[in-house]
């Protein structure tokens, strides 16, 4: 976490006790809506797509890949 993020966390922590119940409920609603927006795209794709990505990453890490420029040279003909 960056120092800016820590500073923001501290500031939020200082303000929360000063809010009334209605204000806290409003803040909670806003925070929950932000969290809903941050769904992980990985969970949104199918198992077949996840497997294909995992396989490709493993191949890449093993050095079994063709550089982009070589692929482009082959298919530009």
PDB file of N, CA and C in Angstrom:
ATOM      1  N   UNK A   1       0.855  -1.172   0.000  1.00  0.00           N
ATOM      2  CA  UNK A   1       0.000   0.000   0.000  1.00  0.00           C
ATOM      3  C   UNK A   1       0.903   1.239   0.000  1.00  0.00           C
ATOM      4  N   UNK A   2       0.563   2.174  -0.822  1.00  0.00           N
ATOM      5  CA  UNK A   2       1.374   3.391  -0.921  1.00  0.00           C
ATOM      6  C   UNK A   2       1.159   4.283   0.298  1.00  0.00           C
ATOM      7  N   UNK A   3       2.060   5.222   0.473  1.00  0.00           N
ATOM      8  CA  UNK A   3       1.932   6.145   1.604  1.00  0.00           C
ATOM      9  C   UNK A   3       0.696   7.033   1.453  1.00  0.00           C
ATOM     10  N   UNK A   4       0.326   7.337   0.224  1.00  0.00           N
ATOM     11  CA  UNK A   4      -0.878   8.140  -0.009  1.00  0.00           C
ATOM     12  C   UNK A   4      -2.112   7.346   0.419  1.00  0.00           C
ATOM     13  N   UNK A   5      -2.149   6.057   0.045  1.00  0.00           N
ATOM     14  CA  UNK A   5      -3.288   5.216   0.422  1.00  0.00           C
ATOM     15  C   UNK A   5      -3.375   5.082   1.940  1.00  0.00           C
ATOM     16  N   UNK A   6      -2.233   4.936   2.601  1.00  0.00           N
ATOM     17  CA  UNK A   6      -2.228   4.838   4.071  1.00  0.00           C
ATOM     18  C   UNK A   6      -2.755   6.117   4.698  1.00  0.00           C
ATOM     19  N   UNK A   7      -2.356   7.253   4.141  1.00  0.00           N
ATOM     20  CA  UNK A   7      -2.809   8.544   4.641  1.00  0.00           C
ATOM     21  C   UNK A   7      -4.329   8.674   4.485  1.00  0.00           C
ATOM     22  N   UNK A   8      -4.831   8.230   3.354  1.00  0.00           N
ATOM     23  CA  UNK A   8      -6.277   8.281   3.111  1.00  0.00           C
ATOM     24  C   UNK A   8      -7.006   7.374   4.105  1.00  0.00           C
ATOM     25  N   UNK A   9      -6.478   6.180   4.315  1.00  0.00           N
ATOM     26  CA  UNK A   9      -7.074   5.259   5.288  1.00  0.00           C
ATOM     27  C   UNK A   9      -7.134   5.891   6.673  1.00  0.00           C
ATOM     28  N   UNK A  10      -6.059   6.549   7.061  1.00  0.00           N
ATOM     29  CA  UNK A  10      -6.017   7.185   8.379  1.00  0.00           C
ATOM     30  C   UNK A  10      -7.051   8.314   8.478  1.00  0.00           C
ATOM     31  N   UNK A  11      -7.167   9.073   7.419  1.00  0.00           N
ATOM     32  CA  UNK A  11      -8.127  10.180   7.424  1.00  0.00           C
ATOM     33  C   UNK A  11      -9.565   9.653   7.507  1.00  0.00           C
ATOM     34  N   UNK A  12      -9.848   8.615   6.754  1.00  0.00           N
ATOM     35  CA  UNK A  12     -11.184   8.012   6.809  1.00  0.00           C
ATOM     36  C   UNK A  12     -11.465   7.510   8.220  1.00  0.00           C
ATOM     37  N   UNK A  13     -10.483   6.859   8.817  1.00  0.00           N
ATOM     38  CA  UNK A  13     -10.633   6.327  10.175  1.00  0.00           C
ATOM     39  C   UNK A  13     -10.910   7.433  11.187  1.00  0.00           C
ATOM     40  N   UNK A  14     -10.332   8.581  10.980  1.00  0.00           N
ATOM     41  CA  UNK A  14     -10.567   9.721  11.894  1.00  0.00           C
ATOM     42  C   UNK A  14     -11.982  10.271  11.757  1.00  0.00           C
ATOM     43  N   UNK A  15     -12.525  10.269  10.548  1.00  0.00           N
ATOM     44  CA  UNK A  15     -13.852  10.848  10.320  1.00  0.00           C
ATOM     45  C   UNK A  15     -15.001   9.915  10.703  1.00  0.00           C
ATOM     46  N   UNK A  16     -14.835   8.618  10.532  1.00  0.00           N
ATOM     47  CA  UNK A  16     -15.942   7.692  10.754  1.00  0.00           C
ATOM     48  C   UNK A  16     -16.613   7.822  12.119  1.00  0.00           C
ATOM     49  N   UNK A  17     -15.884   7.913  13.200  1.00  0.00           N
ATOM     50  CA  UNK A  17     -16.559   8.015  14.504  1.00  0.00           C
ATOM     51  C   UNK A  17     -17.423   9.276  14.651  1.00  0.00           C
ATOM     52  N   UNK A  18     -17.158  10.287  13.869  1.00  0.00           N
ATOM     53  CA  UNK A  18     -17.891  11.554  13.959  1.00  0.00           C
ATOM     54  C   UNK A  18     -19.220  11.534  13.194  1.00  0.00           C
ATOM     55  N   UNK A  19     -19.420  10.517  12.372  1.00  0.00           N
ATOM     56  CA  UNK A  19     -20.624  10.471  11.548  1.00  0.00           C
ATOM     57  C   UNK A  19     -21.791   9.886  12.324  1.00  0.00           C
ATOM     58  N   UNK A  20     -22.992  10.346  11.977  1.00  0.00           N
ATOM     59  CA  UNK A  20     -24.185   9.761  12.602  1.00  0.00           C
ATOM     60  C   UNK A  20     -24.562   8.482  11.863  1.00  0.00           C
ATOM     61  N   UNK A  21     -25.561   7.777  12.359  1.00  0.00           N
ATOM     62  CA  UNK A  21     -25.939   6.480  11.798  1.00  0.00           C
ATOM     63  C   UNK A  21     -26.352   6.586  10.332  1.00  0.00           C
ATOM     64  N   UNK A  22     -27.128   7.591   9.994  1.00  0.00           N
ATOM     65  CA  UNK A  22     -27.571   7.776   8.608  1.00  0.00           C
ATOM     66  C   UNK A  22     -26.380   7.989   7.683  1.00  0.00           C
ATOM     67  N   UNK A  23     -25.441   8.813   8.106  1.00  0.00           N
ATOM     68  CA  UNK A  23     -24.249   9.086   7.301  1.00  0.00           C
ATOM     69  C   UNK A  23     -23.412   7.811   7.123  1.00  0.00           C
ATOM     70  N   UNK A  24     -23.284   7.038   8.189  1.00  0.00           N
ATOM     71  CA  UNK A  24     -22.510   5.796   8.109  1.00  0.00           C
ATOM     72  C   UNK A  24     -23.167   4.809   7.151  1.00  0.00           C
ATOM     73  N   UNK A  25     -24.501   4.729   7.175  1.00  0.00           N
ATOM     74  CA  UNK A  25     -25.205   3.846   6.250  1.00  0.00           C
ATOM     75  C   UNK A  25     -24.979   4.281   4.807  1.00  0.00           C
ATOM     76  N   UNK A  26     -24.982   5.582   4.584  1.00  0.00           N
ATOM     77  CA  UNK A  26     -24.734   6.109   3.237  1.00  0.00           C
ATOM     78  C   UNK A  26     -23.323   5.761   2.774  1.00  0.00           C
ATOM     79  N   UNK A  27     -22.350   5.961   3.655  1.00  0.00           N
ATOM     80  CA  UNK A  27     -20.961   5.629   3.323  1.00  0.00           C
ATOM     81  C   UNK A  27     -20.831   4.145   3.021  1.00  0.00           C
ATOM     82  N   UNK A  28     -21.470   3.319   3.830  1.00  0.00           N
ATOM     83  CA  UNK A  28     -21.411   1.876   3.612  1.00  0.00           C
ATOM     84  C   UNK A  28     -21.996   1.497   2.256  1.00  0.00           C
ATOM     85  N   UNK A  29     -23.088   2.110   1.879  1.00  0.00           N
ATOM     86  CA  UNK A  29     -23.706   1.852   0.576  1.00  0.00           C
ATOM     87  C   UNK A  29     -22.752   2.210  -0.555  1.00  0.00           C
ATOM     88  N   UNK A  30     -22.096   3.346  -0.432  1.00  0.00           N
ATOM     89  CA  UNK A  30     -21.143   3.782  -1.464  1.00  0.00           C
ATOM     90  C   UNK A  30     -19.973   2.814  -1.550  1.00  0.00           C
ATOM     91  N   UNK A  31     -19.419   2.425  -0.414  1.00  0.00           N
ATOM     92  CA  UNK A  31     -18.274   1.504  -0.405  1.00  0.00           C
ATOM     93  C   UNK A  31     -18.671   0.164  -1.022  1.00  0.00           C
ATOM     94  N   UNK A  32     -19.845  -0.338  -0.683  1.00  0.00           N
ATOM     95  CA  UNK A  32     -20.306  -1.603  -1.259  1.00  0.00           C
ATOM     96  C   UNK A  32     -20.467  -1.497  -2.768  1.00  0.00           C
ATOM     97  N   UNK A  33     -20.950  -0.361  -3.250  1.00  0.00           N
ATOM     98  CA  UNK A  33     -21.112  -0.208  -4.696  1.00  0.00           C
ATOM     99  C   UNK A  33     -19.750  -0.196  -5.393  1.00  0.00           C
ATOM    100  N   UNK A  34     -18.739   0.402  -4.757  1.00  0.00           N
ATOM    101  CA  UNK A  34     -17.385   0.377  -5.321  1.00  0.00           C
ATOM    102  C   UNK A  34     -16.866  -1.056  -5.380  1.00  0.00           C
ATOM    103  N   UNK A  35     -17.121  -1.830  -4.345  1.00  0.00           N
ATOM    104  CA  UNK A  35     -16.644  -3.206  -4.316  1.00  0.00           C
ATOM    105  C   UNK A  35     -17.335  -4.048  -5.376  1.00  0.00           C
ATOM    106  N   UNK A  36     -18.614  -3.803  -5.607  1.00  0.00           N
ATOM    107  CA  UNK A  36     -19.337  -4.529  -6.654  1.00  0.00           C
ATOM    108  C   UNK A  36     -18.748  -4.247  -8.025  1.00  0.00           C
ATOM    109  N   UNK A  37     -18.264  -3.029  -8.223  1.00  0.00           N
ATOM    110  CA  UNK A  37     -17.670  -2.642  -9.500  1.00  0.00           C
ATOM    111  C   UNK A  37     -16.324  -3.311  -9.726  1.00  0.00           C
ATOM    112  N   UNK A  38     -15.694  -3.778  -8.677  1.00  0.00           N
ATOM    113  CA  UNK A  38     -14.348  -4.331  -8.774  1.00  0.00           C
ATOM    114  C   UNK A  38     -14.341  -5.846  -8.904  1.00  0.00           C
ATOM    115  N   UNK A  39     -15.340  -6.394  -9.550  1.00  0.00           N
ATOM    116  CA  UNK A  39     -15.377  -7.836  -9.752  1.00  0.00           C
ATOM    117  C   UNK A  39     -14.159  -8.238 -10.575  1.00  0.00           C
ATOM    118  N   UNK A  40     -13.618  -9.351 -10.226  1.00  0.00           N
ATOM    119  CA  UNK A  40     -12.436  -9.864 -10.917  1.00  0.00           C
ATOM    120  C   UNK A  40     -12.873 -10.480 -12.247  1.00  0.00           C
ATOM    121  N   UNK A  41     -12.305 -10.001 -13.333  1.00  0.00           N
ATOM    122  CA  UNK A  41     -12.684 -10.496 -14.649  1.00  0.00           C
ATOM    123  C   UNK A  41     -12.437 -11.996 -14.753  1.00  0.00           C
ATOM    124  N   UNK A  42     -11.474 -12.506 -13.998  1.00  0.00           N
ATOM    125  CA  UNK A  42     -11.162 -13.932 -14.044  1.00  0.00           C
ATOM    126  C   UNK A  42     -12.389 -14.763 -13.650  1.00  0.00           C
ATOM    127  N   UNK A  43     -13.128 -14.281 -12.674  1.00  0.00           N
ATOM    128  CA  UNK A  43     -14.314 -14.990 -12.214  1.00  0.00           C
ATOM    129  C   UNK A  43     -15.474 -14.870 -13.197  1.00  0.00           C
ATOM    130  N   UNK A  44     -15.364 -13.948 -14.124  1.00  0.00           N
ATOM    131  CA  UNK A  44     -16.436 -13.712 -15.084  1.00  0.00           C
ATOM    132  C   UNK A  44     -16.284 -14.558 -16.357  1.00  0.00           C
ATOM    133  N   UNK A  45     -15.099 -15.143 -16.566  1.00  0.00           N
ATOM    134  CA  UNK A  45     -14.894 -15.961 -17.760  1.00  0.00           C
ATOM    135  C   UNK A  45     -15.101 -17.432 -17.416  1.00  0.00           C
ATOM    136  N   UNK A  46     -15.308 -18.245 -18.427  1.00  0.00           N
ATOM    137  CA  UNK A  46     -15.575 -19.661 -18.219  1.00  0.00           C
ATOM    138  C   UNK A  46     -14.323 -20.456 -17.875  1.00  0.00           C
ATOM    139  N   UNK A  47     -14.541 -21.680 -17.379  1.00  0.00           N
ATOM    140  CA  UNK A  47     -13.423 -22.553 -17.010  1.00  0.00           C
ATOM    141  C   UNK A  47     -12.540 -22.874 -18.209  1.00  0.00           C
ATOM    142  N   UNK A  48     -13.145 -23.044 -19.362  1.00  0.00           N
ATOM    143  CA  UNK A  48     -12.382 -23.353 -20.573  1.00  0.00           C
ATOM    144  C   UNK A  48     -11.426 -22.206 -20.912  1.00  0.00           C
ATOM    145  N   UNK A  49     -11.914 -20.991 -20.789  1.00  0.00           N
ATOM    146  CA  UNK A  49     -11.064 -19.820 -21.051  1.00  0.00           C
ATOM    147  C   UNK A  49      -9.962 -19.714 -19.991  1.00  0.00           C
ATOM    148  N   UNK A  50     -10.297 -19.967 -18.734  1.00  0.00           N
ATOM    149  CA  UNK A  50      -9.294 -19.934 -17.669  1.00  0.00           C
ATOM    150  C   UNK A  50      -8.199 -20.960 -17.933  1.00  0.00           C
ATOM    151  N   UNK A  51      -8.613 -22.163 -18.333  1.00  0.00           N
ATOM    152  CA  UNK A  51      -7.646 -23.217 -18.624  1.00  0.00           C
ATOM    153  C   UNK A  51      -6.730 -22.809 -19.785  1.00  0.00           C
ATOM    154  N   UNK A  52      -7.318 -22.239 -20.827  1.00  0.00           N
ATOM    155  CA  UNK A  52      -6.528 -21.821 -21.987  1.00  0.00           C
ATOM    156  C   UNK A  52      -5.509 -20.744 -21.599  1.00  0.00           C
ATOM    157  N   UNK A  53      -5.910 -19.821 -20.765  1.00  0.00           N
ATOM    158  CA  UNK A  53      -4.993 -18.767 -20.318  1.00  0.00           C
ATOM    159  C   UNK A  53      -3.883 -19.361 -19.458  1.00  0.00           C
ATOM    160  N   UNK A  54      -4.251 -20.238 -18.521  1.00  0.00           N
ATOM    161  CA  UNK A  54      -3.247 -20.891 -17.672  1.00  0.00           C
ATOM    162  C   UNK A  54      -2.240 -21.672 -18.507  1.00  0.00           C
ATOM    163  N   UNK A  55      -2.748 -22.389 -19.511  1.00  0.00           N
ATOM    164  CA  UNK A  55      -1.877 -23.176 -20.392  1.00  0.00           C
ATOM    165  C   UNK A  55      -0.923 -22.250 -21.158  1.00  0.00           C
ATOM    166  N   UNK A  56      -1.451 -21.166 -21.678  1.00  0.00           N
ATOM    167  CA  UNK A  56      -0.614 -20.216 -22.429  1.00  0.00           C
ATOM    168  C   UNK A  56       0.451 -19.589 -21.539  1.00  0.00           C
ATOM    169  N   UNK A  57       0.089 -19.238 -20.318  1.00  0.00           N
ATOM    170  CA  UNK A  57       1.071 -18.660 -19.395  1.00  0.00           C
ATOM    171  C   UNK A  57       2.172 -19.664 -19.059  1.00  0.00           C
ATOM    172  N   UNK A  58       1.794 -20.925 -18.870  1.00  0.00           N
ATOM    173  CA  UNK A  58       2.788 -21.962 -18.584  1.00  0.00           C
ATOM    174  C   UNK A  58       3.731 -22.150 -19.770  1.00  0.00           C
ATOM    175  N   UNK A  59       3.177 -22.139 -20.984  1.00  0.00           N
ATOM    176  CA  UNK A  59       4.002 -22.253 -22.185  1.00  0.00           C
ATOM    177  C   UNK A  59       4.948 -21.069 -22.307  1.00  0.00           C
ATOM    178  N   UNK A  60       4.451 -19.889 -22.008  1.00  0.00           N
ATOM    179  CA  UNK A  60       5.277 -18.690 -22.079  1.00  0.00           C
ATOM    180  C   UNK A  60       6.436 -18.779 -21.077  1.00  0.00           C
ATOM    181  N   UNK A  61       6.117 -19.194 -19.852  1.00  0.00           N
ATOM    182  CA  UNK A  61       7.159 -19.311 -18.825  1.00  0.00           C
ATOM    183  C   UNK A  61       8.193 -20.370 -19.188  1.00  0.00           C
ATOM    184  N   UNK A  62       7.776 -21.394 -19.943  1.00  0.00           N
ATOM    185  CA  UNK A  62       8.679 -22.457 -20.363  1.00  0.00           C
ATOM    186  C   UNK A  62       9.459 -22.077 -21.622  1.00  0.00           C
ATOM    187  N   UNK A  63       9.218 -20.878 -22.142  1.00  0.00           N
ATOM    188  CA  UNK A  63       9.933 -20.422 -23.325  1.00  0.00           C
ATOM    189  C   UNK A  63       9.362 -20.943 -24.628  1.00  0.00           C
ATOM    190  N   UNK A  64       8.183 -21.517 -24.587  1.00  0.00           N
ATOM    191  CA  UNK A  64       7.546 -22.071 -25.787  1.00  0.00           C
ATOM    192  C   UNK A  64       6.641 -21.030 -26.415  1.00  0.00           C
ATOM    193  N   UNK A  65       7.245 -19.989 -26.943  1.00  0.00           N
ATOM    194  CA  UNK A  65       6.450 -18.951 -27.579  1.00  0.00           C
ATOM    195  C   UNK A  65       7.198 -18.395 -28.777  1.00  0.00           C
ATOM    196  N   UNK A  66       6.445 -17.792 -29.660  1.00  0.00           N
ATOM    197  CA  UNK A  66       7.022 -17.171 -30.844  1.00  0.00           C
ATOM    198  C   UNK A  66       6.858 -15.666 -30.697  1.00  0.00           C
ATOM    199  N   UNK A  67       7.942 -14.915 -30.831  1.00  0.00           N
ATOM    200  CA  UNK A  67       7.840 -13.460 -30.711  1.00  0.00           C
ATOM    201  C   UNK A  67       6.857 -12.867 -31.727  1.00  0.00           C
ATOM    202  N   UNK A  68       6.222 -11.799 -31.343  1.00  0.00           N
ATOM    203  CA  UNK A  68       5.201 -11.150 -32.160  1.00  0.00           C
ATOM    204  C   UNK A  68       5.721 -10.796 -33.543  1.00  0.00           C
ATOM    205  N   UNK A  69       6.929 -10.235 -33.618  1.00  0.00           N
ATOM    206  CA  UNK A  69       7.447  -9.826 -34.934  1.00  0.00           C
ATOM    207  C   UNK A  69       7.640 -11.013 -35.872  1.00  0.00           C
ATOM    208  N   UNK A  70       7.990 -12.183 -35.349  1.00  0.00           N
ATOM    209  CA  UNK A  70       8.126 -13.369 -36.196  1.00  0.00           C
ATOM    210  C   UNK A  70       6.767 -13.823 -36.729  1.00  0.00           C
ATOM    211  N   UNK A  71       5.769 -13.786 -35.903  1.00  0.00           N
ATOM    212  CA  UNK A  71       4.423 -14.160 -36.332  1.00  0.00           C
ATOM    213  C   UNK A  71       3.945 -13.194 -37.413  1.00  0.00           C
ATOM    214  N   UNK A  72       4.180 -11.907 -37.202  1.00  0.00           N
ATOM    215  CA  UNK A  72       3.752 -10.908 -38.186  1.00  0.00           C
ATOM    216  C   UNK A  72       4.468 -11.092 -39.514  1.00  0.00           C
ATOM    217  N   UNK A  73       5.759 -11.423 -39.509  1.00  0.00           N
ATOM    218  CA  UNK A  73       6.499 -11.655 -40.740  1.00  0.00           C
ATOM    219  C   UNK A  73       5.887 -12.831 -41.504  1.00  0.00           C
ATOM    220  N   UNK A  74       5.533 -13.868 -40.775  1.00  0.00           N
ATOM    221  CA  UNK A  74       4.973 -15.077 -41.401  1.00  0.00           C
ATOM    222  C   UNK A  74       3.621 -14.807 -42.065  1.00  0.00           C
ATOM    223  N   UNK A  75       2.783 -14.036 -41.415  1.00  0.00           N
ATOM    224  CA  UNK A  75       1.409 -13.871 -41.902  1.00  0.00           C
ATOM    225  C   UNK A  75       1.180 -12.604 -42.729  1.00  0.00           C
ATOM    226  N   UNK A  76       2.182 -11.793 -42.917  1.00  0.00           N
ATOM    227  CA  UNK A  76       2.038 -10.575 -43.731  1.00  0.00           C
ATOM    228  C   UNK A  76       2.080 -10.879 -45.223  1.00  0.00           C
ATOM    229  N   UNK A  77       2.522 -12.011 -45.576  1.00  0.00           N
ATOM    230  CA  UNK A  77       2.709 -12.365 -47.002  1.00  0.00           C
ATOM    231  C   UNK A  77       1.450 -12.274 -47.789  1.00  0.00           C
TER     232      UNK A  77
END
